N, C-alpha and C. Protein backbone atom coordinates (compact mmCIF):
# COMPACT_ATOMS: atom_id res chain seq x y z
N MET A 1 0.85 -1.20 0.00
CA MET A 1 0.00 0.00 0.00
C MET A 1 0.88 1.25 0.00
N ALA A 2 0.58 2.18 -0.84
CA ALA A 2 1.39 3.40 -0.92
C ALA A 2 1.23 4.22 0.35
N LEU A 3 2.36 4.85 0.75
CA LEU A 3 2.33 5.65 1.96
C LEU A 3 1.43 6.86 1.81
N PHE A 4 1.50 7.46 0.63
CA PHE A 4 0.65 8.62 0.38
C PHE A 4 -0.24 8.34 -0.83
N ALA A 5 -1.43 7.80 -0.58
CA ALA A 5 -2.37 7.46 -1.66
C ALA A 5 -2.89 8.74 -2.30
N ARG A 6 -2.98 8.71 -3.63
CA ARG A 6 -3.49 9.90 -4.33
C ARG A 6 -4.98 10.06 -4.07
N LYS A 7 -5.38 11.24 -3.70
CA LYS A 7 -6.78 11.51 -3.41
C LYS A 7 -7.58 11.53 -4.72
N PRO A 8 -8.70 10.80 -4.78
CA PRO A 8 -9.52 10.78 -6.01
C PRO A 8 -9.99 12.19 -6.37
N LYS A 9 -10.08 12.43 -7.66
CA LYS A 9 -10.54 13.74 -8.11
C LYS A 9 -12.00 13.95 -7.73
N SER A 10 -12.34 15.17 -7.43
CA SER A 10 -13.72 15.50 -7.06
C SER A 10 -14.58 15.57 -8.32
N ARG A 11 -15.87 15.62 -8.11
CA ARG A 11 -16.80 15.75 -9.24
C ARG A 11 -16.50 17.03 -10.00
N THR A 12 -16.24 18.11 -9.27
CA THR A 12 -15.95 19.39 -9.92
C THR A 12 -14.72 19.30 -10.81
N GLN A 13 -13.69 18.64 -10.33
CA GLN A 13 -12.46 18.49 -11.11
C GLN A 13 -12.69 17.63 -12.35
N LEU A 14 -13.39 16.52 -12.16
CA LEU A 14 -13.68 15.64 -13.29
C LEU A 14 -14.53 16.35 -14.33
N MET A 15 -15.52 17.11 -13.86
CA MET A 15 -16.41 17.83 -14.77
C MET A 15 -15.63 18.87 -15.57
N ALA A 16 -14.77 19.60 -14.88
CA ALA A 16 -14.00 20.65 -15.54
C ALA A 16 -13.09 20.04 -16.62
N ALA A 17 -12.47 18.91 -16.30
CA ALA A 17 -11.58 18.26 -17.26
C ALA A 17 -12.36 17.72 -18.45
N ALA A 18 -13.51 17.13 -18.18
CA ALA A 18 -14.34 16.59 -19.26
C ALA A 18 -14.89 17.71 -20.14
N ASP A 19 -15.33 18.79 -19.51
CA ASP A 19 -15.84 19.94 -20.28
C ASP A 19 -14.75 20.54 -21.17
N LYS A 20 -13.55 20.62 -20.64
CA LYS A 20 -12.43 21.16 -21.41
C LYS A 20 -12.12 20.26 -22.60
N ALA A 21 -12.12 18.95 -22.36
CA ALA A 21 -11.87 18.00 -23.45
C ALA A 21 -12.94 18.12 -24.53
N ARG A 22 -14.18 18.29 -24.10
CA ARG A 22 -15.27 18.43 -25.06
C ARG A 22 -15.11 19.70 -25.89
N SER A 23 -14.74 20.79 -25.26
CA SER A 23 -14.56 22.06 -25.98
C SER A 23 -13.41 22.00 -26.97
N GLN A 24 -12.47 21.11 -26.72
CA GLN A 24 -11.33 20.94 -27.61
C GLN A 24 -11.56 19.88 -28.68
N GLY A 25 -12.77 19.31 -28.66
CA GLY A 25 -13.09 18.29 -29.64
C GLY A 25 -12.54 16.92 -29.31
N LYS A 26 -12.06 16.75 -28.10
CA LYS A 26 -11.53 15.45 -27.66
C LYS A 26 -12.66 14.65 -27.03
N ASN A 27 -13.56 14.19 -27.89
CA ASN A 27 -14.79 13.57 -27.40
C ASN A 27 -14.55 12.27 -26.63
N LYS A 28 -13.59 11.49 -27.07
CA LYS A 28 -13.31 10.23 -26.38
C LYS A 28 -12.89 10.48 -24.94
N LYS A 29 -12.00 11.46 -24.75
CA LYS A 29 -11.55 11.82 -23.41
C LYS A 29 -12.69 12.40 -22.59
N ALA A 30 -13.52 13.22 -23.23
CA ALA A 30 -14.65 13.82 -22.52
C ALA A 30 -15.63 12.75 -22.06
N ILE A 31 -15.93 11.80 -22.94
CA ILE A 31 -16.84 10.71 -22.58
C ILE A 31 -16.31 9.93 -21.39
N ALA A 32 -15.01 9.64 -21.41
CA ALA A 32 -14.40 8.89 -20.31
C ALA A 32 -14.56 9.64 -18.99
N GLY A 33 -14.37 10.97 -19.04
CA GLY A 33 -14.52 11.78 -17.84
C GLY A 33 -15.94 11.79 -17.32
N TYR A 34 -16.88 11.98 -18.21
CA TYR A 34 -18.28 12.00 -17.80
C TYR A 34 -18.70 10.63 -17.25
N LYS A 35 -18.22 9.58 -17.87
CA LYS A 35 -18.58 8.24 -17.40
C LYS A 35 -18.01 7.96 -16.00
N GLU A 36 -16.85 8.53 -15.73
CA GLU A 36 -16.28 8.36 -14.38
C GLU A 36 -17.18 9.01 -13.33
N ILE A 37 -17.74 10.16 -13.68
CA ILE A 37 -18.67 10.81 -12.75
C ILE A 37 -19.92 9.94 -12.58
N LEU A 38 -20.41 9.40 -13.69
CA LEU A 38 -21.62 8.57 -13.64
C LEU A 38 -21.38 7.27 -12.89
N SER A 39 -20.15 6.80 -12.85
CA SER A 39 -19.86 5.58 -12.09
C SER A 39 -20.06 5.81 -10.60
N ARG A 40 -19.95 7.07 -10.20
CA ARG A 40 -20.18 7.43 -8.79
C ARG A 40 -21.64 7.79 -8.54
N ASP A 41 -22.25 8.42 -9.53
CA ASP A 41 -23.65 8.83 -9.40
C ASP A 41 -24.37 8.57 -10.73
N PRO A 42 -24.94 7.37 -10.90
CA PRO A 42 -25.58 6.99 -12.17
C PRO A 42 -26.77 7.86 -12.55
N ASP A 43 -27.31 8.62 -11.59
CA ASP A 43 -28.51 9.42 -11.87
C ASP A 43 -28.19 10.90 -12.08
N ASP A 44 -26.94 11.23 -12.31
CA ASP A 44 -26.55 12.63 -12.48
C ASP A 44 -27.09 13.14 -13.83
N ALA A 45 -28.21 13.85 -13.76
CA ALA A 45 -28.90 14.29 -14.99
C ALA A 45 -28.07 15.28 -15.79
N VAL A 46 -27.31 16.13 -15.12
CA VAL A 46 -26.49 17.12 -15.81
C VAL A 46 -25.43 16.43 -16.67
N VAL A 47 -24.80 15.43 -16.11
CA VAL A 47 -23.75 14.70 -16.84
C VAL A 47 -24.36 13.90 -17.98
N HIS A 48 -25.50 13.28 -17.73
CA HIS A 48 -26.17 12.53 -18.80
C HIS A 48 -26.48 13.44 -19.98
N ALA A 49 -26.91 14.66 -19.70
CA ALA A 49 -27.23 15.61 -20.77
C ALA A 49 -25.98 15.98 -21.58
N LYS A 50 -24.84 16.00 -20.92
CA LYS A 50 -23.60 16.36 -21.62
C LYS A 50 -23.03 15.19 -22.42
N VAL A 51 -23.14 14.00 -21.88
CA VAL A 51 -22.51 12.85 -22.54
C VAL A 51 -23.38 12.28 -23.65
N ALA A 52 -24.69 12.45 -23.56
CA ALA A 52 -25.60 11.84 -24.54
C ALA A 52 -25.28 12.23 -25.99
N PRO A 53 -25.15 13.53 -26.31
CA PRO A 53 -24.85 13.88 -27.71
C PRO A 53 -23.48 13.41 -28.17
N LEU A 54 -22.53 13.31 -27.24
CA LEU A 54 -21.20 12.82 -27.60
C LEU A 54 -21.26 11.33 -27.96
N LEU A 55 -22.05 10.59 -27.20
CA LEU A 55 -22.23 9.17 -27.49
C LEU A 55 -22.92 8.99 -28.84
N ALA A 56 -23.85 9.90 -29.14
CA ALA A 56 -24.53 9.83 -30.44
C ALA A 56 -23.54 10.03 -31.58
N LYS A 57 -22.62 10.98 -31.42
CA LYS A 57 -21.61 11.22 -32.45
C LYS A 57 -20.70 10.02 -32.65
N LYS A 58 -20.51 9.26 -31.58
CA LYS A 58 -19.65 8.08 -31.65
C LYS A 58 -20.41 6.85 -32.17
N GLY A 59 -21.69 7.03 -32.46
CA GLY A 59 -22.48 5.92 -32.98
C GLY A 59 -22.97 4.96 -31.93
N GLN A 60 -22.89 5.36 -30.66
CA GLN A 60 -23.35 4.50 -29.57
C GLN A 60 -24.81 4.82 -29.26
N ARG A 61 -25.67 4.39 -30.15
CA ARG A 61 -27.07 4.77 -30.15
C ARG A 61 -27.79 4.41 -28.84
N ASP A 62 -27.75 3.16 -28.45
CA ASP A 62 -28.50 2.72 -27.27
C ASP A 62 -28.04 3.45 -26.01
N GLU A 63 -26.72 3.57 -25.85
CA GLU A 63 -26.19 4.23 -24.67
C GLU A 63 -26.55 5.72 -24.68
N SER A 64 -26.50 6.31 -25.85
CA SER A 64 -26.87 7.72 -25.97
C SER A 64 -28.33 7.95 -25.62
N LEU A 65 -29.20 7.10 -26.14
CA LEU A 65 -30.63 7.24 -25.85
C LEU A 65 -30.91 7.08 -24.36
N LYS A 66 -30.22 6.15 -23.72
CA LYS A 66 -30.40 5.96 -22.28
C LYS A 66 -29.99 7.21 -21.51
N SER A 67 -28.91 7.85 -21.95
CA SER A 67 -28.48 9.07 -21.27
C SER A 67 -29.43 10.23 -21.52
N PHE A 68 -29.94 10.33 -22.75
CA PHE A 68 -30.94 11.37 -23.02
C PHE A 68 -32.17 11.17 -22.13
N GLU A 69 -32.62 9.91 -22.01
CA GLU A 69 -33.78 9.60 -21.18
C GLU A 69 -33.51 9.96 -19.72
N ALA A 70 -32.32 9.60 -19.23
CA ALA A 70 -31.97 9.88 -17.84
C ALA A 70 -31.90 11.38 -17.59
N ALA A 71 -31.36 12.10 -18.56
CA ALA A 71 -31.26 13.56 -18.42
C ALA A 71 -32.65 14.19 -18.35
N ALA A 72 -33.54 13.76 -19.24
CA ALA A 72 -34.90 14.30 -19.26
C ALA A 72 -35.65 13.92 -17.98
N ALA A 73 -35.47 12.69 -17.54
CA ALA A 73 -36.14 12.23 -16.32
C ALA A 73 -35.69 13.06 -15.12
N GLY A 74 -34.41 13.39 -15.09
CA GLY A 74 -33.90 14.21 -14.00
C GLY A 74 -34.53 15.60 -13.97
N GLN A 75 -34.71 16.18 -15.14
CA GLN A 75 -35.35 17.49 -15.22
C GLN A 75 -36.82 17.42 -14.83
N MET A 76 -37.48 16.35 -15.26
CA MET A 76 -38.89 16.17 -14.90
C MET A 76 -39.05 16.01 -13.38
N LYS A 77 -38.13 15.27 -12.79
CA LYS A 77 -38.17 15.04 -11.34
C LYS A 77 -38.09 16.35 -10.58
N GLU A 78 -37.35 17.30 -11.14
CA GLU A 78 -37.21 18.62 -10.50
C GLU A 78 -38.33 19.58 -10.91
N GLY A 79 -39.20 19.12 -11.80
CA GLY A 79 -40.32 19.94 -12.22
C GLY A 79 -40.05 20.85 -13.40
N PHE A 80 -38.92 20.63 -14.08
CA PHE A 80 -38.55 21.49 -15.21
C PHE A 80 -38.98 20.83 -16.53
N VAL A 81 -40.24 20.97 -16.84
CA VAL A 81 -40.80 20.33 -18.03
C VAL A 81 -40.17 20.86 -19.30
N ASP A 82 -40.02 22.16 -19.41
CA ASP A 82 -39.46 22.74 -20.64
C ASP A 82 -38.01 22.33 -20.87
N ARG A 83 -37.27 22.15 -19.80
CA ARG A 83 -35.90 21.66 -19.94
C ARG A 83 -35.90 20.21 -20.45
N ALA A 84 -36.85 19.44 -19.96
CA ALA A 84 -36.98 18.06 -20.44
C ALA A 84 -37.34 18.06 -21.92
N VAL A 85 -38.22 18.97 -22.32
CA VAL A 85 -38.58 19.10 -23.73
C VAL A 85 -37.33 19.39 -24.56
N ALA A 86 -36.52 20.33 -24.09
CA ALA A 86 -35.31 20.71 -24.83
C ALA A 86 -34.36 19.52 -24.99
N ILE A 87 -34.27 18.70 -23.98
CA ILE A 87 -33.39 17.52 -24.05
C ILE A 87 -33.93 16.52 -25.06
N TYR A 88 -35.24 16.29 -25.04
CA TYR A 88 -35.83 15.37 -26.01
C TYR A 88 -35.73 15.91 -27.44
N VAL A 89 -35.82 17.21 -27.59
CA VAL A 89 -35.65 17.81 -28.92
C VAL A 89 -34.24 17.55 -29.43
N GLN A 90 -33.26 17.71 -28.56
CA GLN A 90 -31.88 17.44 -28.94
C GLN A 90 -31.71 15.96 -29.30
N ALA A 91 -32.35 15.09 -28.52
CA ALA A 91 -32.28 13.66 -28.81
C ALA A 91 -32.91 13.34 -30.16
N ALA A 92 -34.05 13.98 -30.45
CA ALA A 92 -34.73 13.74 -31.72
C ALA A 92 -33.91 14.25 -32.90
N GLU A 93 -33.14 15.30 -32.69
CA GLU A 93 -32.26 15.79 -33.75
C GLU A 93 -31.15 14.78 -34.03
N CYS A 94 -30.70 14.11 -32.98
CA CYS A 94 -29.67 13.08 -33.15
C CYS A 94 -30.24 11.81 -33.77
N PHE A 95 -31.48 11.48 -33.38
CA PHE A 95 -32.11 10.24 -33.84
C PHE A 95 -33.52 10.52 -34.36
N PRO A 96 -33.63 11.19 -35.51
CA PRO A 96 -34.96 11.58 -36.02
C PRO A 96 -35.86 10.40 -36.39
N ASP A 97 -35.28 9.21 -36.52
CA ASP A 97 -36.08 8.03 -36.86
C ASP A 97 -36.59 7.30 -35.63
N GLU A 98 -36.34 7.85 -34.44
CA GLU A 98 -36.78 7.23 -33.19
C GLU A 98 -38.14 7.81 -32.80
N ARG A 99 -39.21 7.11 -33.16
CA ARG A 99 -40.56 7.65 -33.00
C ARG A 99 -40.88 8.02 -31.56
N ARG A 100 -40.42 7.21 -30.61
CA ARG A 100 -40.80 7.47 -29.21
C ARG A 100 -40.31 8.82 -28.72
N LEU A 101 -39.25 9.35 -29.32
CA LEU A 101 -38.77 10.66 -28.90
C LEU A 101 -39.77 11.75 -29.27
N TRP A 102 -40.31 11.68 -30.48
CA TRP A 102 -41.32 12.65 -30.91
C TRP A 102 -42.58 12.52 -30.04
N ASP A 103 -42.93 11.27 -29.70
CA ASP A 103 -44.08 11.05 -28.83
C ASP A 103 -43.86 11.67 -27.45
N ARG A 104 -42.63 11.52 -26.93
CA ARG A 104 -42.35 12.07 -25.60
C ARG A 104 -42.46 13.59 -25.60
N ILE A 105 -41.94 14.21 -26.64
CA ILE A 105 -42.03 15.68 -26.72
C ILE A 105 -43.49 16.11 -26.76
N ALA A 106 -44.28 15.41 -27.57
CA ALA A 106 -45.71 15.73 -27.66
C ALA A 106 -46.40 15.50 -26.32
N ASP A 107 -46.03 14.43 -25.63
CA ASP A 107 -46.60 14.14 -24.30
C ASP A 107 -46.38 15.31 -23.36
N LEU A 108 -45.15 15.81 -23.35
CA LEU A 108 -44.80 16.90 -22.43
C LEU A 108 -45.55 18.18 -22.78
N HIS A 109 -45.71 18.45 -24.08
CA HIS A 109 -46.49 19.63 -24.48
C HIS A 109 -47.95 19.47 -24.03
N GLU A 110 -48.46 18.27 -24.13
CA GLU A 110 -49.85 18.05 -23.72
C GLU A 110 -50.03 18.24 -22.22
N THR A 111 -49.01 17.88 -21.43
CA THR A 111 -49.12 18.09 -19.99
C THR A 111 -49.24 19.57 -19.64
N ARG A 112 -48.78 20.42 -20.55
CA ARG A 112 -48.88 21.88 -20.35
C ARG A 112 -50.02 22.48 -21.15
N ASP A 113 -50.90 21.62 -21.66
CA ASP A 113 -52.05 22.07 -22.47
C ASP A 113 -51.63 22.86 -23.70
N ARG A 114 -50.52 22.45 -24.30
CA ARG A 114 -50.05 23.11 -25.51
C ARG A 114 -50.33 22.19 -26.70
N LYS A 115 -51.59 22.09 -27.05
CA LYS A 115 -52.01 21.16 -28.09
C LYS A 115 -51.40 21.50 -29.44
N ALA A 116 -51.38 22.78 -29.78
CA ALA A 116 -50.83 23.20 -31.07
C ALA A 116 -49.35 22.83 -31.18
N ASP A 117 -48.61 22.97 -30.08
CA ASP A 117 -47.19 22.61 -30.08
C ASP A 117 -47.03 21.09 -30.25
N ALA A 118 -47.91 20.35 -29.59
CA ALA A 118 -47.84 18.90 -29.71
C ALA A 118 -48.09 18.46 -31.14
N VAL A 119 -49.08 19.07 -31.79
CA VAL A 119 -49.39 18.74 -33.19
C VAL A 119 -48.21 19.09 -34.09
N ALA A 120 -47.61 20.25 -33.85
CA ALA A 120 -46.47 20.68 -34.66
C ALA A 120 -45.30 19.70 -34.53
N VAL A 121 -45.07 19.23 -33.32
CA VAL A 121 -43.99 18.27 -33.09
C VAL A 121 -44.28 16.94 -33.79
N LEU A 122 -45.49 16.46 -33.67
CA LEU A 122 -45.86 15.19 -34.30
C LEU A 122 -45.76 15.29 -35.82
N PHE A 123 -46.19 16.43 -36.37
CA PHE A 123 -46.11 16.62 -37.82
C PHE A 123 -44.65 16.70 -38.27
N GLY A 124 -43.85 17.48 -37.52
CA GLY A 124 -42.44 17.60 -37.86
C GLY A 124 -41.72 16.27 -37.75
N GLY A 125 -42.05 15.52 -36.71
CA GLY A 125 -41.45 14.20 -36.54
C GLY A 125 -41.84 13.25 -37.66
N ALA A 126 -43.08 13.33 -38.09
CA ALA A 126 -43.55 12.47 -39.19
C ALA A 126 -42.80 12.79 -40.48
N LYS A 127 -42.56 14.06 -40.73
CA LYS A 127 -41.81 14.43 -41.94
C LYS A 127 -40.39 13.90 -41.88
N ARG A 128 -39.76 14.00 -40.70
CA ARG A 128 -38.39 13.51 -40.55
C ARG A 128 -38.35 11.99 -40.71
N MET A 129 -39.35 11.32 -40.17
CA MET A 129 -39.38 9.86 -40.27
C MET A 129 -39.68 9.41 -41.70
N THR A 130 -40.46 10.20 -42.41
CA THR A 130 -40.74 9.88 -43.81
C THR A 130 -39.45 9.94 -44.62
N LYS A 131 -38.64 10.96 -44.36
CA LYS A 131 -37.35 11.09 -45.05
C LYS A 131 -36.43 9.93 -44.71
N ALA A 132 -36.56 9.43 -43.48
CA ALA A 132 -35.74 8.30 -43.04
C ALA A 132 -36.34 6.95 -43.46
N ARG A 133 -37.40 7.03 -44.27
CA ARG A 133 -38.08 5.83 -44.77
C ARG A 133 -38.68 4.98 -43.66
N LYS A 134 -39.16 5.66 -42.64
CA LYS A 134 -39.86 5.00 -41.54
C LYS A 134 -41.35 5.35 -41.65
N ARG A 135 -41.96 4.86 -42.73
CA ARG A 135 -43.32 5.27 -43.06
C ARG A 135 -44.33 4.85 -41.99
N ASP A 136 -44.20 3.65 -41.47
CA ASP A 136 -45.16 3.18 -40.46
C ASP A 136 -45.15 4.09 -39.23
N GLY A 137 -43.95 4.44 -38.78
CA GLY A 137 -43.84 5.33 -37.62
C GLY A 137 -44.40 6.71 -37.91
N ALA A 138 -44.17 7.20 -39.12
CA ALA A 138 -44.70 8.51 -39.51
C ALA A 138 -46.23 8.50 -39.47
N VAL A 139 -46.82 7.42 -39.95
CA VAL A 139 -48.29 7.31 -39.95
C VAL A 139 -48.83 7.31 -38.52
N ILE A 140 -48.16 6.63 -37.62
CA ILE A 140 -48.60 6.60 -36.23
C ILE A 140 -48.59 8.01 -35.64
N LEU A 141 -47.53 8.76 -35.91
CA LEU A 141 -47.45 10.13 -35.40
C LEU A 141 -48.55 11.01 -35.99
N LEU A 142 -48.80 10.85 -37.28
CA LEU A 142 -49.82 11.67 -37.94
C LEU A 142 -51.22 11.33 -37.45
N ARG A 143 -51.48 10.06 -37.22
CA ARG A 143 -52.79 9.68 -36.68
C ARG A 143 -53.00 10.30 -35.31
N ARG A 144 -51.95 10.31 -34.51
CA ARG A 144 -52.07 10.94 -33.19
C ARG A 144 -52.30 12.45 -33.34
N ALA A 145 -51.60 13.06 -34.29
CA ALA A 145 -51.78 14.50 -34.51
C ALA A 145 -53.22 14.80 -34.91
N ARG A 146 -53.81 13.93 -35.72
CA ARG A 146 -55.20 14.15 -36.15
C ARG A 146 -56.19 13.95 -35.01
N GLU A 147 -55.84 13.13 -34.06
CA GLU A 147 -56.70 12.99 -32.88
C GLU A 147 -56.75 14.29 -32.09
N LEU A 148 -55.66 15.05 -32.16
CA LEU A 148 -55.60 16.33 -31.45
C LEU A 148 -56.22 17.46 -32.26
N ASP A 149 -56.07 17.39 -33.59
CA ASP A 149 -56.58 18.47 -34.44
C ASP A 149 -56.98 17.91 -35.80
N ARG A 150 -58.27 17.64 -35.96
CA ARG A 150 -58.78 17.07 -37.20
C ARG A 150 -58.75 18.06 -38.36
N SER A 151 -58.64 19.33 -38.05
CA SER A 151 -58.71 20.35 -39.10
C SER A 151 -57.34 20.72 -39.67
N HIS A 152 -56.28 20.13 -39.15
CA HIS A 152 -54.93 20.51 -39.59
C HIS A 152 -54.71 20.01 -41.02
N LEU A 153 -54.62 20.94 -41.94
CA LEU A 153 -54.55 20.61 -43.37
C LEU A 153 -53.30 19.80 -43.72
N GLU A 154 -52.13 20.28 -43.30
CA GLU A 154 -50.87 19.62 -43.68
C GLU A 154 -50.78 18.21 -43.12
N VAL A 155 -51.25 18.04 -41.91
CA VAL A 155 -51.25 16.70 -41.30
C VAL A 155 -52.12 15.76 -42.11
N GLY A 156 -53.31 16.21 -42.44
CA GLY A 156 -54.23 15.37 -43.20
C GLY A 156 -53.71 15.02 -44.58
N LEU A 157 -53.13 16.00 -45.27
CA LEU A 157 -52.62 15.75 -46.62
C LEU A 157 -51.45 14.77 -46.61
N LEU A 158 -50.54 14.95 -45.66
CA LEU A 158 -49.38 14.05 -45.60
C LEU A 158 -49.83 12.64 -45.21
N LEU A 159 -50.74 12.55 -44.26
CA LEU A 159 -51.22 11.23 -43.84
C LEU A 159 -51.92 10.52 -45.00
N ALA A 160 -52.74 11.24 -45.72
CA ALA A 160 -53.44 10.64 -46.86
C ALA A 160 -52.44 10.16 -47.92
N ARG A 161 -51.41 10.96 -48.15
CA ARG A 161 -50.41 10.57 -49.15
C ARG A 161 -49.66 9.30 -48.74
N LEU A 162 -49.31 9.21 -47.46
CA LEU A 162 -48.61 8.02 -46.99
C LEU A 162 -49.51 6.79 -47.01
N LEU A 163 -50.78 6.99 -46.64
CA LEU A 163 -51.73 5.87 -46.66
C LEU A 163 -51.95 5.37 -48.08
N LYS A 164 -51.97 6.28 -49.03
CA LYS A 164 -52.10 5.88 -50.43
C LYS A 164 -50.95 4.97 -50.83
N LYS A 165 -49.73 5.33 -50.43
CA LYS A 165 -48.57 4.50 -50.75
C LYS A 165 -48.63 3.15 -50.07
N MET A 166 -49.34 3.10 -48.94
CA MET A 166 -49.46 1.85 -48.20
C MET A 166 -50.70 1.06 -48.62
N LYS A 167 -51.35 1.52 -49.71
CA LYS A 167 -52.54 0.86 -50.26
C LYS A 167 -53.74 0.92 -49.31
N LYS A 168 -53.77 1.90 -48.45
CA LYS A 168 -54.90 2.08 -47.55
C LYS A 168 -55.74 3.24 -48.06
N ARG A 169 -56.31 3.04 -49.23
CA ARG A 169 -57.01 4.10 -49.94
C ARG A 169 -58.30 4.54 -49.26
N ASP A 170 -59.02 3.62 -48.65
CA ASP A 170 -60.28 3.98 -48.00
C ASP A 170 -60.04 4.95 -46.85
N GLU A 171 -59.02 4.66 -46.05
CA GLU A 171 -58.72 5.56 -44.93
C GLU A 171 -58.26 6.91 -45.45
N ALA A 172 -57.43 6.88 -46.49
CA ALA A 172 -56.95 8.14 -47.09
C ALA A 172 -58.12 8.96 -47.62
N LYS A 173 -59.06 8.28 -48.30
CA LYS A 173 -60.22 8.97 -48.85
C LYS A 173 -61.06 9.61 -47.74
N GLY A 174 -61.24 8.88 -46.65
CA GLY A 174 -62.02 9.41 -45.53
C GLY A 174 -61.39 10.66 -44.94
N ILE A 175 -60.08 10.66 -44.84
CA ILE A 175 -59.37 11.83 -44.29
C ILE A 175 -59.55 13.04 -45.20
N LEU A 176 -59.38 12.83 -46.49
CA LEU A 176 -59.52 13.94 -47.44
C LEU A 176 -60.95 14.47 -47.46
N GLU A 177 -61.92 13.58 -47.45
CA GLU A 177 -63.32 14.01 -47.46
C GLU A 177 -63.66 14.81 -46.21
N SER A 178 -63.04 14.45 -45.09
CA SER A 178 -63.31 15.18 -43.84
C SER A 178 -62.72 16.59 -43.87
N LEU A 179 -61.71 16.79 -44.72
CA LEU A 179 -61.08 18.11 -44.81
C LEU A 179 -61.83 19.08 -45.72
N VAL A 180 -62.64 18.54 -46.62
CA VAL A 180 -63.33 19.39 -47.59
C VAL A 180 -64.18 20.47 -46.92
N PRO A 181 -65.08 20.12 -45.99
CA PRO A 181 -65.91 21.17 -45.38
C PRO A 181 -65.13 22.10 -44.44
N LEU A 182 -63.89 21.74 -44.13
CA LEU A 182 -63.10 22.55 -43.21
C LEU A 182 -62.16 23.51 -43.94
N THR A 183 -62.21 23.47 -45.27
CA THR A 183 -61.29 24.28 -46.07
C THR A 183 -62.04 25.12 -47.09
N SER A 184 -61.31 26.05 -47.69
CA SER A 184 -61.87 26.87 -48.75
C SER A 184 -60.72 27.42 -49.59
N GLY A 185 -61.04 27.98 -50.75
CA GLY A 185 -60.03 28.60 -51.59
C GLY A 185 -58.92 27.65 -52.00
N LYS A 186 -57.68 28.13 -51.88
CA LYS A 186 -56.52 27.33 -52.29
C LYS A 186 -56.38 26.05 -51.46
N SER A 187 -56.75 26.13 -50.20
CA SER A 187 -56.65 24.96 -49.34
C SER A 187 -57.59 23.85 -49.81
N ARG A 188 -58.82 24.22 -50.15
CA ARG A 188 -59.75 23.22 -50.65
C ARG A 188 -59.29 22.67 -51.99
N ARG A 189 -58.71 23.51 -52.81
CA ARG A 189 -58.21 23.04 -54.10
C ARG A 189 -57.11 22.00 -53.90
N ARG A 190 -56.28 22.20 -52.90
CA ARG A 190 -55.24 21.22 -52.60
C ARG A 190 -55.84 19.88 -52.18
N VAL A 191 -56.89 19.95 -51.38
CA VAL A 191 -57.56 18.73 -50.95
C VAL A 191 -58.18 18.01 -52.14
N ARG A 192 -58.87 18.78 -53.00
CA ARG A 192 -59.49 18.19 -54.19
C ARG A 192 -58.43 17.58 -55.12
N GLY A 193 -57.27 18.24 -55.22
CA GLY A 193 -56.20 17.71 -56.04
C GLY A 193 -55.70 16.38 -55.49
N ALA A 194 -55.59 16.30 -54.16
CA ALA A 194 -55.16 15.05 -53.53
C ALA A 194 -56.19 13.95 -53.76
N MET A 195 -57.47 14.31 -53.76
CA MET A 195 -58.53 13.33 -54.00
C MET A 195 -58.48 12.80 -55.43
N PHE A 196 -58.16 13.70 -56.38
CA PHE A 196 -58.03 13.26 -57.76
C PHE A 196 -56.86 12.30 -57.92
N ARG A 197 -55.73 12.63 -57.28
CA ARG A 197 -54.57 11.75 -57.39
C ARG A 197 -54.80 10.41 -56.71
N LEU A 198 -55.63 10.43 -55.69
CA LEU A 198 -55.97 9.18 -55.01
C LEU A 198 -56.87 8.30 -55.85
N ALA A 199 -57.85 8.94 -56.50
CA ALA A 199 -58.82 8.20 -57.32
C ALA A 199 -59.10 9.00 -58.59
N PRO A 200 -58.22 8.92 -59.59
CA PRO A 200 -58.40 9.68 -60.83
C PRO A 200 -59.71 9.32 -61.53
N GLY A 201 -60.41 10.34 -61.96
CA GLY A 201 -61.67 10.13 -62.67
C GLY A 201 -62.29 11.46 -63.03
N PHE A 202 -63.33 11.43 -63.86
CA PHE A 202 -63.96 12.68 -64.30
C PHE A 202 -64.54 13.45 -63.11
N GLY A 203 -65.19 12.71 -62.18
CA GLY A 203 -65.82 13.38 -61.04
C GLY A 203 -64.82 14.09 -60.16
N THR A 204 -63.72 13.41 -59.80
CA THR A 204 -62.73 14.04 -58.93
C THR A 204 -61.98 15.15 -59.67
N LEU A 205 -61.81 14.98 -60.99
CA LEU A 205 -61.16 16.03 -61.77
C LEU A 205 -62.02 17.27 -61.82
N TRP A 206 -63.32 17.09 -62.03
CA TRP A 206 -64.27 18.21 -62.10
C TRP A 206 -64.28 18.99 -60.77
N ARG A 207 -64.32 18.23 -59.68
CA ARG A 207 -64.36 18.90 -58.37
C ARG A 207 -63.03 19.57 -58.05
N TRP A 208 -61.94 19.08 -58.64
CA TRP A 208 -60.65 19.74 -58.46
C TRP A 208 -60.62 21.08 -59.20
N ILE A 209 -61.14 21.05 -60.43
CA ILE A 209 -61.14 22.27 -61.25
C ILE A 209 -62.14 23.28 -60.71
N PHE A 210 -63.26 22.77 -60.25
CA PHE A 210 -64.32 23.64 -59.72
C PHE A 210 -64.63 23.21 -58.28
N PRO A 211 -63.72 23.50 -57.35
CA PRO A 211 -63.90 23.04 -55.96
C PRO A 211 -65.04 23.74 -55.23
């Protein structure tokens, strides 16, 4: 046993070193430092929030998602809903094809009675998932968005278009028909155009030209 054992670094020292490494782009060193802090306190939400995006950059998807979840849970425990939203938004930017992240953000907006924000998040998430070729997940998000706001034109049009590609024409037709009485002018013309593309024919063409 050494006569003079080296005193372990404090959390403050480890954090400062890890933060410095991160600012210098030394992500591997920063991750190691943050993980050392977490080995002492696995529930440290601040550290989880810092290490999660670094893990994402390293391609450590599962570990990154766990840290994002832990960081958001820590903020929720303290009552900071908007901070939790910000963490989930960052997570969704790292993993836009992860449907549950968009759902979590929408959940938190709903707890604050921010229905319009929840719909916007679900629609935005659906568009990102569509680009990532996660059509089934996008449809789930859009269906939820329509449960919150049946009159949302963009949600309805995108959902109908995806359902058409999935050969679910009856559901797509029902969505478009429900939008007709809720729209007018250019918006109704867009709906009629979508109906024609869904079921080309003289009747749908006529109603598109003369909505």
